[in-house]
Amino acid sequence: MTTPREGTAIEDWLAHRAGGLLVTPAESLFAPLLPSVGMLSEGQFRGRDCAFCGITLSPTTAVDLGAHHIKRSGVDVRWFPRACRTCVEGGYVNALLDAAFSACRALPPPAHLTDLYARLRHEIRRRLPAAWAAAAQAGEDTLTWHAHQRVIDASTDALADGPGDRPSPLTLAMRVAELGRRLRDLAPYPP
């Protein structure tokens, strides 16, 4: 089975494909996953800089991402992240890909790798339905269908192949790089 059966939730199908190893996050698959608050610079946390790429925002370039409730130092805080128009329109994927492809070379701290890993998985899961729709529209057993299926199969396999319980930073960086390759393949499929 390479595509979900009609009436099967995408998350259920991914969990089945992964042998139940996938954890379904509480966040919606309709929006990009924001970086963890601990990974943000002070400017990103305060809304002065884009939450995704970190560029300094002006009143004309800033897009409000709405209120988020978080815990910071044990206190409930309302956070109002902002992003640049480029990232809101999908440009954040380029920042994710840059970070993923440099992970093995730069070997960021484990907390950054874990955050990047979660954001890459989330973005891949957001784009898989569009890939499935493109494959279905292409018609089964056509050359185009097989091209879409290659991307779908590689992406679902990458989602199913987790880093393990306590991966070393290098192992996690290699998994991040693999997820980056899969996201690059899925980039033409808008969520």
N, C-alpha and C. Protein backbone atom coordinates (compact mmCIF):
# COMPACT_ATOMS: atom_id res chain seq x y z
N MET A 1 0.86 -1.19 0.00
CA MET A 1 0.00 0.00 0.00
C MET A 1 0.90 1.24 0.00
N THR A 2 0.79 2.07 -1.01
CA THR A 2 1.65 3.25 -1.09
C THR A 2 0.90 4.55 -0.87
N THR A 3 -0.41 4.50 -0.92
CA THR A 3 -1.21 5.70 -0.66
C THR A 3 -2.30 5.35 0.34
N PRO A 4 -2.78 6.37 1.05
CA PRO A 4 -3.84 6.07 2.03
C PRO A 4 -5.13 5.67 1.33
N ARG A 5 -5.84 4.74 1.94
CA ARG A 5 -7.14 4.37 1.42
C ARG A 5 -8.13 5.49 1.66
N GLU A 6 -9.13 5.58 0.83
CA GLU A 6 -10.14 6.61 1.00
C GLU A 6 -10.80 6.47 2.36
N GLY A 7 -10.96 7.58 3.06
CA GLY A 7 -11.56 7.58 4.37
C GLY A 7 -10.57 7.35 5.50
N THR A 8 -9.29 7.11 5.17
CA THR A 8 -8.27 6.91 6.19
C THR A 8 -7.60 8.24 6.47
N ALA A 9 -7.52 8.60 7.73
CA ALA A 9 -6.84 9.84 8.08
C ALA A 9 -5.36 9.70 7.75
N ILE A 10 -4.76 10.79 7.30
CA ILE A 10 -3.35 10.77 6.91
C ILE A 10 -2.48 10.33 8.07
N GLU A 11 -2.75 10.85 9.26
CA GLU A 11 -1.94 10.49 10.43
C GLU A 11 -2.07 9.01 10.75
N ASP A 12 -3.28 8.44 10.60
CA ASP A 12 -3.46 7.02 10.86
C ASP A 12 -2.66 6.20 9.86
N TRP A 13 -2.68 6.62 8.59
CA TRP A 13 -1.94 5.90 7.58
C TRP A 13 -0.45 5.99 7.82
N LEU A 14 0.06 7.18 8.17
CA LEU A 14 1.48 7.32 8.47
C LEU A 14 1.87 6.47 9.68
N ALA A 15 1.02 6.45 10.70
CA ALA A 15 1.31 5.65 11.89
C ALA A 15 1.34 4.17 11.52
N HIS A 16 0.39 3.73 10.66
CA HIS A 16 0.37 2.35 10.21
C HIS A 16 1.64 2.03 9.42
N ARG A 17 2.00 2.93 8.51
CA ARG A 17 3.18 2.73 7.67
C ARG A 17 4.44 2.65 8.52
N ALA A 18 4.48 3.43 9.62
CA ALA A 18 5.65 3.47 10.49
C ALA A 18 5.58 2.43 11.59
N GLY A 19 4.59 1.56 11.55
CA GLY A 19 4.47 0.56 12.58
C GLY A 19 4.09 1.14 13.93
N GLY A 20 3.38 2.26 13.91
CA GLY A 20 2.95 2.88 15.15
C GLY A 20 4.02 3.70 15.84
N LEU A 21 5.17 3.93 15.18
CA LEU A 21 6.27 4.64 15.81
C LEU A 21 6.14 6.15 15.74
N LEU A 22 5.21 6.64 14.93
CA LEU A 22 5.06 8.09 14.80
C LEU A 22 4.21 8.64 15.94
N VAL A 23 4.61 9.78 16.42
CA VAL A 23 3.83 10.46 17.45
C VAL A 23 3.09 11.59 16.77
N THR A 24 1.80 11.65 16.92
CA THR A 24 1.01 12.71 16.31
C THR A 24 1.04 13.93 17.22
N PRO A 25 1.62 15.04 16.76
CA PRO A 25 1.67 16.22 17.60
C PRO A 25 0.32 16.89 17.71
N ALA A 26 0.16 17.70 18.73
CA ALA A 26 -1.10 18.38 18.96
C ALA A 26 -1.32 19.53 17.98
N GLU A 27 -0.24 20.06 17.40
CA GLU A 27 -0.39 21.22 16.53
C GLU A 27 -1.05 20.85 15.21
N SER A 28 -1.60 21.82 14.58
CA SER A 28 -2.31 21.63 13.32
C SER A 28 -1.32 21.45 12.17
N LEU A 29 -1.69 20.62 11.22
CA LEU A 29 -0.86 20.47 10.03
C LEU A 29 -1.15 21.55 9.00
N PHE A 30 -2.03 22.48 9.33
CA PHE A 30 -2.37 23.53 8.38
C PHE A 30 -1.41 24.70 8.44
N ALA A 31 -0.62 24.81 9.48
CA ALA A 31 0.30 25.93 9.63
C ALA A 31 1.71 25.40 9.87
N PRO A 32 2.72 26.17 9.47
CA PRO A 32 4.09 25.75 9.75
C PRO A 32 4.33 25.68 11.26
N LEU A 33 5.19 24.80 11.66
CA LEU A 33 5.54 24.66 13.06
C LEU A 33 6.55 25.73 13.42
N LEU A 34 6.22 26.53 14.42
CA LEU A 34 7.13 27.58 14.87
C LEU A 34 8.33 26.95 15.57
N PRO A 35 9.49 27.61 15.51
CA PRO A 35 10.62 27.10 16.27
C PRO A 35 10.29 27.08 17.76
N SER A 36 10.94 26.20 18.50
CA SER A 36 10.76 26.17 19.95
C SER A 36 11.20 27.51 20.52
N VAL A 37 10.51 27.97 21.54
CA VAL A 37 10.81 29.27 22.13
C VAL A 37 12.25 29.34 22.61
N GLY A 38 12.76 28.24 23.14
CA GLY A 38 14.14 28.22 23.62
C GLY A 38 15.18 28.38 22.53
N MET A 39 14.79 28.16 21.28
CA MET A 39 15.72 28.27 20.16
C MET A 39 15.73 29.67 19.55
N LEU A 40 14.80 30.51 19.97
CA LEU A 40 14.67 31.84 19.39
C LEU A 40 15.63 32.84 20.03
N SER A 41 16.05 33.80 19.22
CA SER A 41 16.82 34.91 19.77
C SER A 41 15.85 35.82 20.52
N GLU A 42 16.39 36.74 21.27
CA GLU A 42 15.55 37.69 22.00
C GLU A 42 14.69 38.50 21.03
N GLY A 43 15.29 38.90 19.89
CA GLY A 43 14.54 39.66 18.88
C GLY A 43 13.41 38.87 18.27
N GLN A 44 13.63 37.57 18.04
CA GLN A 44 12.57 36.72 17.50
C GLN A 44 11.47 36.54 18.53
N PHE A 45 11.84 36.35 19.79
CA PHE A 45 10.83 36.17 20.82
C PHE A 45 10.00 37.44 21.00
N ARG A 46 10.62 38.58 20.93
CA ARG A 46 9.91 39.85 21.14
C ARG A 46 9.16 40.33 19.89
N GLY A 47 9.32 39.63 18.76
CA GLY A 47 8.61 40.01 17.54
C GLY A 47 9.33 41.05 16.70
N ARG A 48 10.54 41.39 17.07
CA ARG A 48 11.32 42.36 16.30
C ARG A 48 11.90 41.70 15.05
N ASP A 49 12.20 40.39 15.17
CA ASP A 49 12.77 39.63 14.06
C ASP A 49 11.81 38.51 13.66
N CYS A 50 11.93 38.05 12.42
CA CYS A 50 11.10 36.96 11.91
C CYS A 50 11.35 35.70 12.75
N ALA A 51 10.28 35.04 13.16
CA ALA A 51 10.39 33.83 13.97
C ALA A 51 11.04 32.68 13.19
N PHE A 52 10.99 32.71 11.87
CA PHE A 52 11.53 31.62 11.06
C PHE A 52 12.96 31.89 10.59
N CYS A 53 13.18 33.01 9.91
CA CYS A 53 14.50 33.25 9.31
C CYS A 53 15.36 34.24 10.10
N GLY A 54 14.78 35.00 11.01
CA GLY A 54 15.55 35.88 11.87
C GLY A 54 15.85 37.27 11.34
N ILE A 55 15.33 37.63 10.15
CA ILE A 55 15.62 38.98 9.65
C ILE A 55 14.83 40.00 10.47
N THR A 56 15.38 41.20 10.56
CA THR A 56 14.72 42.27 11.31
C THR A 56 13.51 42.75 10.53
N LEU A 57 12.39 42.88 11.24
CA LEU A 57 11.13 43.26 10.61
C LEU A 57 10.86 44.75 10.75
N SER A 58 10.13 45.27 9.79
CA SER A 58 9.64 46.64 9.88
C SER A 58 8.11 46.55 9.97
N PRO A 59 7.44 47.64 10.32
CA PRO A 59 5.98 47.57 10.39
C PRO A 59 5.33 47.15 9.07
N THR A 60 5.96 47.44 7.94
CA THR A 60 5.36 47.08 6.66
C THR A 60 5.65 45.63 6.25
N THR A 61 6.74 45.04 6.77
CA THR A 61 7.08 43.67 6.38
C THR A 61 6.62 42.63 7.38
N ALA A 62 6.22 43.03 8.57
CA ALA A 62 5.85 42.08 9.62
C ALA A 62 4.43 41.54 9.43
N VAL A 63 4.28 40.24 9.69
CA VAL A 63 2.98 39.59 9.67
C VAL A 63 2.78 38.96 11.05
N ASP A 64 1.69 39.33 11.71
CA ASP A 64 1.38 38.80 13.04
C ASP A 64 0.93 37.35 12.90
N LEU A 65 1.50 36.46 13.69
CA LEU A 65 1.16 35.04 13.64
C LEU A 65 0.16 34.63 14.72
N GLY A 66 -0.40 35.61 15.41
CA GLY A 66 -1.41 35.31 16.42
C GLY A 66 -0.82 35.02 17.78
N ALA A 67 -1.69 34.92 18.76
CA ALA A 67 -1.27 34.68 20.14
C ALA A 67 -1.00 33.19 20.36
N HIS A 68 0.06 32.91 21.10
CA HIS A 68 0.42 31.55 21.48
C HIS A 68 0.66 31.55 22.98
N HIS A 69 0.19 30.52 23.66
CA HIS A 69 0.41 30.40 25.11
C HIS A 69 1.56 29.43 25.33
N ILE A 70 2.57 29.89 26.06
CA ILE A 70 3.74 29.06 26.34
C ILE A 70 4.11 29.18 27.81
N LYS A 71 4.97 28.28 28.26
CA LYS A 71 5.55 28.38 29.60
C LYS A 71 6.98 28.83 29.45
N ARG A 72 7.35 29.87 30.16
CA ARG A 72 8.72 30.36 30.15
C ARG A 72 9.13 30.59 31.59
N SER A 73 10.15 29.88 32.02
CA SER A 73 10.63 29.92 33.42
C SER A 73 9.51 29.55 34.39
N GLY A 74 8.66 28.60 33.98
CA GLY A 74 7.59 28.13 34.84
C GLY A 74 6.36 29.01 34.91
N VAL A 75 6.33 30.08 34.12
CA VAL A 75 5.21 31.02 34.13
C VAL A 75 4.49 30.96 32.78
N ASP A 76 3.16 30.94 32.82
CA ASP A 76 2.39 31.01 31.57
C ASP A 76 2.53 32.39 30.96
N VAL A 77 2.93 32.43 29.69
CA VAL A 77 3.16 33.69 28.99
C VAL A 77 2.42 33.65 27.67
N ARG A 78 1.85 34.77 27.29
CA ARG A 78 1.27 34.89 25.94
C ARG A 78 2.35 35.45 25.04
N TRP A 79 2.56 34.76 23.94
CA TRP A 79 3.61 35.12 23.00
C TRP A 79 2.96 35.49 21.68
N PHE A 80 3.40 36.57 21.08
CA PHE A 80 2.85 37.04 19.81
C PHE A 80 3.96 37.05 18.76
N PRO A 81 4.27 35.89 18.16
CA PRO A 81 5.35 35.85 17.17
C PRO A 81 4.96 36.57 15.90
N ARG A 82 5.98 37.04 15.20
CA ARG A 82 5.78 37.69 13.90
C ARG A 82 6.74 37.08 12.90
N ALA A 83 6.41 37.21 11.65
CA ALA A 83 7.25 36.67 10.58
C ALA A 83 7.28 37.66 9.42
N CYS A 84 8.26 37.46 8.54
CA CYS A 84 8.33 38.29 7.34
C CYS A 84 7.36 37.73 6.30
N ARG A 85 6.99 38.54 5.35
CA ARG A 85 6.04 38.11 4.31
C ARG A 85 6.60 36.94 3.50
N THR A 86 7.90 36.94 3.24
CA THR A 86 8.51 35.86 2.47
C THR A 86 8.31 34.52 3.17
N CYS A 87 8.56 34.47 4.48
CA CYS A 87 8.40 33.21 5.22
C CYS A 87 6.93 32.80 5.31
N VAL A 88 6.03 33.76 5.49
CA VAL A 88 4.61 33.45 5.57
C VAL A 88 4.12 32.87 4.25
N GLU A 89 4.71 33.31 3.14
CA GLU A 89 4.31 32.82 1.82
C GLU A 89 5.05 31.56 1.42
N GLY A 90 5.76 30.94 2.37
CA GLY A 90 6.42 29.67 2.09
C GLY A 90 7.94 29.72 2.07
N GLY A 91 8.51 30.89 2.19
CA GLY A 91 9.97 31.03 2.14
C GLY A 91 10.69 30.42 3.33
N TYR A 92 9.96 30.13 4.41
CA TYR A 92 10.58 29.51 5.58
C TYR A 92 11.17 28.15 5.23
N VAL A 93 10.67 27.52 4.17
CA VAL A 93 11.18 26.22 3.76
C VAL A 93 12.65 26.34 3.37
N ASN A 94 13.03 27.44 2.72
CA ASN A 94 14.43 27.63 2.35
C ASN A 94 15.32 27.69 3.59
N ALA A 95 14.86 28.37 4.63
CA ALA A 95 15.63 28.43 5.88
C ALA A 95 15.74 27.04 6.51
N LEU A 96 14.66 26.26 6.47
CA LEU A 96 14.70 24.89 6.99
C LEU A 96 15.68 24.03 6.20
N LEU A 97 15.64 24.15 4.88
CA LEU A 97 16.55 23.36 4.04
C LEU A 97 18.00 23.75 4.27
N ASP A 98 18.28 25.04 4.38
CA ASP A 98 19.65 25.49 4.65
C ASP A 98 20.15 24.90 5.96
N ALA A 99 19.32 24.96 6.99
CA ALA A 99 19.71 24.43 8.29
C ALA A 99 19.89 22.91 8.23
N ALA A 100 19.02 22.22 7.50
CA ALA A 100 19.11 20.76 7.40
C ALA A 100 20.37 20.34 6.66
N PHE A 101 20.68 21.02 5.57
CA PHE A 101 21.84 20.62 4.78
C PHE A 101 23.16 20.99 5.42
N SER A 102 23.15 21.91 6.36
CA SER A 102 24.40 22.27 7.04
C SER A 102 24.53 21.56 8.39
N ALA A 103 23.55 20.76 8.78
CA ALA A 103 23.54 20.14 10.11
C ALA A 103 24.75 19.23 10.34
N CYS A 104 25.12 18.40 9.38
CA CYS A 104 26.25 17.49 9.57
C CYS A 104 27.57 18.26 9.59
N ARG A 105 27.65 19.31 8.83
CA ARG A 105 28.87 20.11 8.76
C ARG A 105 29.03 20.99 9.99
N ALA A 106 27.97 21.66 10.41
CA ALA A 106 28.04 22.60 11.52
C ALA A 106 27.82 21.93 12.87
N LEU A 107 27.11 20.80 12.90
CA LEU A 107 26.76 20.05 14.10
C LEU A 107 26.29 20.97 15.24
N PRO A 108 25.09 21.58 15.07
CA PRO A 108 24.55 22.45 16.11
C PRO A 108 24.28 21.66 17.40
N PRO A 109 24.01 22.35 18.50
CA PRO A 109 23.71 21.66 19.76
C PRO A 109 22.50 20.74 19.62
N PRO A 110 22.45 19.68 20.43
CA PRO A 110 21.34 18.71 20.32
C PRO A 110 19.96 19.34 20.42
N ALA A 111 19.79 20.36 21.24
CA ALA A 111 18.47 21.01 21.35
C ALA A 111 18.06 21.63 20.02
N HIS A 112 19.00 22.24 19.32
CA HIS A 112 18.70 22.84 18.02
C HIS A 112 18.38 21.74 17.00
N LEU A 113 19.14 20.65 17.04
CA LEU A 113 18.89 19.55 16.11
C LEU A 113 17.51 18.93 16.35
N THR A 114 17.15 18.76 17.61
CA THR A 114 15.85 18.19 17.95
C THR A 114 14.72 19.08 17.45
N ASP A 115 14.87 20.40 17.63
CA ASP A 115 13.87 21.35 17.16
C ASP A 115 13.77 21.31 15.64
N LEU A 116 14.91 21.29 14.97
CA LEU A 116 14.93 21.25 13.51
C LEU A 116 14.31 19.95 13.01
N TYR A 117 14.62 18.84 13.67
CA TYR A 117 14.05 17.54 13.31
C TYR A 117 12.52 17.59 13.38
N ALA A 118 11.98 18.13 14.46
CA ALA A 118 10.53 18.22 14.61
C ALA A 118 9.90 19.11 13.55
N ARG A 119 10.54 20.24 13.25
CA ARG A 119 9.99 21.16 12.25
C ARG A 119 10.04 20.56 10.85
N LEU A 120 11.10 19.83 10.51
CA LEU A 120 11.20 19.18 9.21
C LEU A 120 10.13 18.09 9.06
N ARG A 121 9.96 17.26 10.09
CA ARG A 121 8.92 16.23 10.05
C ARG A 121 7.54 16.85 9.86
N HIS A 122 7.29 17.92 10.58
CA HIS A 122 6.00 18.60 10.48
C HIS A 122 5.77 19.10 9.05
N GLU A 123 6.78 19.73 8.48
CA GLU A 123 6.62 20.30 7.13
C GLU A 123 6.45 19.20 6.09
N ILE A 124 7.13 18.09 6.24
CA ILE A 124 6.96 16.97 5.32
C ILE A 124 5.53 16.44 5.42
N ARG A 125 5.03 16.29 6.65
CA ARG A 125 3.67 15.80 6.84
C ARG A 125 2.64 16.78 6.28
N ARG A 126 2.95 18.06 6.29
CA ARG A 126 2.02 19.05 5.72
C ARG A 126 1.93 18.90 4.21
N ARG A 127 3.01 18.51 3.55
CA ARG A 127 3.06 18.47 2.10
C ARG A 127 2.67 17.13 1.48
N LEU A 128 2.67 16.07 2.26
CA LEU A 128 2.32 14.76 1.71
C LEU A 128 0.92 14.70 1.09
N PRO A 129 -0.11 15.30 1.68
CA PRO A 129 -1.43 15.23 1.03
C PRO A 129 -1.44 15.82 -0.39
N ALA A 130 -0.67 16.88 -0.61
CA ALA A 130 -0.60 17.46 -1.96
C ALA A 130 0.09 16.50 -2.92
N ALA A 131 1.09 15.79 -2.45
CA ALA A 131 1.77 14.81 -3.29
C ALA A 131 0.84 13.65 -3.62
N TRP A 132 0.07 13.19 -2.61
CA TRP A 132 -0.90 12.14 -2.87
C TRP A 132 -1.94 12.59 -3.89
N ALA A 133 -2.41 13.82 -3.76
CA ALA A 133 -3.40 14.35 -4.71
C ALA A 133 -2.82 14.42 -6.12
N ALA A 134 -1.56 14.85 -6.23
CA ALA A 134 -0.92 14.93 -7.55
C ALA A 134 -0.77 13.55 -8.16
N ALA A 135 -0.42 12.55 -7.34
CA ALA A 135 -0.29 11.18 -7.85
C ALA A 135 -1.64 10.65 -8.31
N ALA A 136 -2.68 10.91 -7.53
CA ALA A 136 -4.01 10.44 -7.90
C ALA A 136 -4.50 11.10 -9.19
N GLN A 137 -4.17 12.37 -9.35
CA GLN A 137 -4.60 13.09 -10.54
C GLN A 137 -3.83 12.62 -11.79
N ALA A 138 -2.60 12.15 -11.59
CA ALA A 138 -1.78 11.72 -12.73
C ALA A 138 -2.28 10.42 -13.35
N GLY A 139 -3.00 9.64 -12.57
CA GLY A 139 -3.46 8.36 -13.09
C GLY A 139 -2.45 7.27 -12.79
N GLU A 140 -2.94 6.16 -12.26
CA GLU A 140 -2.05 5.09 -11.81
C GLU A 140 -1.26 4.49 -12.96
N ASP A 141 -0.02 4.14 -12.66
CA ASP A 141 0.92 3.48 -13.58
C ASP A 141 1.37 4.34 -14.75
N THR A 142 1.20 5.65 -14.65
CA THR A 142 1.80 6.53 -15.65
C THR A 142 3.19 6.93 -15.16
N LEU A 143 3.99 7.48 -16.03
CA LEU A 143 5.33 7.93 -15.65
C LEU A 143 5.25 9.01 -14.59
N THR A 144 4.31 9.92 -14.72
CA THR A 144 4.13 10.99 -13.73
C THR A 144 3.70 10.42 -12.39
N TRP A 145 2.81 9.44 -12.40
CA TRP A 145 2.37 8.80 -11.16
C TRP A 145 3.56 8.18 -10.44
N HIS A 146 4.42 7.48 -11.18
CA HIS A 146 5.59 6.85 -10.57
C HIS A 146 6.55 7.89 -9.99
N ALA A 147 6.68 9.03 -10.64
CA ALA A 147 7.54 10.10 -10.12
C ALA A 147 6.99 10.62 -8.79
N HIS A 148 5.69 10.84 -8.74
CA HIS A 148 5.06 11.28 -7.49
C HIS A 148 5.20 10.19 -6.41
N GLN A 149 5.01 8.94 -6.78
CA GLN A 149 5.10 7.85 -5.82
C GLN A 149 6.50 7.70 -5.25
N ARG A 150 7.53 7.95 -6.06
CA ARG A 150 8.91 7.89 -5.57
C ARG A 150 9.10 8.90 -4.44
N VAL A 151 8.58 10.12 -4.65
CA VAL A 151 8.69 11.16 -3.63
C VAL A 151 7.89 10.78 -2.39
N ILE A 152 6.69 10.26 -2.59
CA ILE A 152 5.82 9.87 -1.46
C ILE A 152 6.47 8.75 -0.66
N ASP A 153 6.94 7.72 -1.35
CA ASP A 153 7.53 6.57 -0.65
C ASP A 153 8.79 6.96 0.11
N ALA A 154 9.66 7.75 -0.51
CA ALA A 154 10.88 8.17 0.17
C ALA A 154 10.56 9.03 1.39
N SER A 155 9.55 9.88 1.27
CA SER A 155 9.18 10.76 2.38
C SER A 155 8.57 9.98 3.53
N THR A 156 7.66 9.06 3.22
CA THR A 156 7.04 8.28 4.29
C THR A 156 8.05 7.34 4.95
N ASP A 157 8.99 6.82 4.17
CA ASP A 157 10.04 6.00 4.76
C ASP A 157 10.92 6.83 5.70
N ALA A 158 11.24 8.06 5.30
CA ALA A 158 12.05 8.93 6.15
C ALA A 158 11.30 9.28 7.44
N LEU A 159 9.99 9.47 7.35
CA LEU A 159 9.21 9.74 8.56
C LEU A 159 9.17 8.52 9.47
N ALA A 160 9.12 7.34 8.89
CA ALA A 160 9.03 6.12 9.67
C ALA A 160 10.36 5.76 10.33
N ASP A 161 11.45 6.19 9.74
CA ASP A 161 12.78 5.84 10.23
C ASP A 161 13.26 6.91 11.20
N GLY A 162 12.93 6.76 12.47
CA GLY A 162 13.30 7.74 13.48
C GLY A 162 14.76 7.62 13.89
N PRO A 163 15.23 8.56 14.70
CA PRO A 163 16.64 8.55 15.09
C PRO A 163 16.95 7.61 16.24
N GLY A 164 15.96 7.00 16.86
CA GLY A 164 16.20 6.12 18.00
C GLY A 164 15.90 6.83 19.31
N ASP A 165 16.12 6.14 20.41
CA ASP A 165 15.79 6.69 21.72
C ASP A 165 16.72 7.80 22.15
N ARG A 166 18.01 7.59 22.12
CA ARG A 166 18.98 8.58 22.56
C ARG A 166 20.07 8.69 21.50
N PRO A 167 19.76 9.35 20.39
CA PRO A 167 20.74 9.41 19.30
C PRO A 167 21.91 10.34 19.65
N SER A 168 23.05 10.04 19.09
CA SER A 168 24.18 10.94 19.23
C SER A 168 23.90 12.18 18.38
N PRO A 169 24.57 13.29 18.65
CA PRO A 169 24.34 14.49 17.83
C PRO A 169 24.60 14.23 16.34
N LEU A 170 25.62 13.44 16.02
CA LEU A 170 25.90 13.17 14.61
C LEU A 170 24.79 12.34 13.97
N THR A 171 24.27 11.35 14.69
CA THR A 171 23.17 10.54 14.16
C THR A 171 21.94 11.42 13.93
N LEU A 172 21.65 12.29 14.87
CA LEU A 172 20.51 13.19 14.71
C LEU A 172 20.73 14.15 13.55
N ALA A 173 21.96 14.64 13.40
CA ALA A 173 22.28 15.54 12.27
C ALA A 173 22.09 14.82 10.94
N MET A 174 22.47 13.54 10.88
CA MET A 174 22.30 12.77 9.65
C MET A 174 20.82 12.56 9.35
N ARG A 175 20.00 12.32 10.37
CA ARG A 175 18.55 12.18 10.16
C ARG A 175 17.95 13.50 9.70
N VAL A 176 18.43 14.61 10.27
CA VAL A 176 17.96 15.94 9.86
C VAL A 176 18.30 16.17 8.40
N ALA A 177 19.52 15.81 7.99
CA ALA A 177 19.91 15.98 6.59
C ALA A 177 19.04 15.14 5.66
N GLU A 178 18.71 13.92 6.08
CA GLU A 178 17.82 13.07 5.27
C GLU A 178 16.43 13.69 5.16
N LEU A 179 15.89 14.19 6.26
CA LEU A 179 14.59 14.85 6.20
C LEU A 179 14.66 16.09 5.31
N GLY A 180 15.79 16.79 5.33
CA GLY A 180 15.97 17.94 4.44
C GLY A 180 15.89 17.53 2.97
N ARG A 181 16.52 16.40 2.63
CA ARG A 181 16.44 15.90 1.24
C ARG A 181 15.00 15.57 0.86
N ARG A 182 14.28 14.97 1.77
CA ARG A 182 12.88 14.63 1.49
C ARG A 182 12.02 15.89 1.35
N LEU A 183 12.26 16.89 2.19
CA LEU A 183 11.52 18.14 2.07
C LEU A 183 11.85 18.84 0.77
N ARG A 184 13.09 18.79 0.35
CA ARG A 184 13.46 19.38 -0.94
C ARG A 184 12.67 18.73 -2.07
N ASP A 185 12.50 17.40 -2.00
CA ASP A 185 11.70 16.70 -3.01
C ASP A 185 10.24 17.12 -2.96
N LEU A 186 9.75 17.42 -1.76
CA LEU A 186 8.34 17.78 -1.59
C LEU A 186 8.08 19.27 -1.78
N ALA A 187 9.12 20.07 -1.93
CA ALA A 187 8.96 21.53 -2.04
C ALA A 187 7.98 21.95 -3.15
N PRO A 188 7.93 21.26 -4.30
CA PRO A 188 6.97 21.67 -5.34
C PRO A 188 5.50 21.43 -4.98
N TYR A 189 5.25 20.71 -3.90
CA TYR A 189 3.87 20.39 -3.50
C TYR A 189 3.46 21.35 -2.38
N PRO A 190 2.69 22.38 -2.69
CA PRO A 190 2.30 23.33 -1.64
C PRO A 190 1.33 22.69 -0.66
N PRO A 191 1.47 23.04 0.63
CA PRO A 191 0.55 22.46 1.63
C PRO A 191 -0.85 23.01 1.49
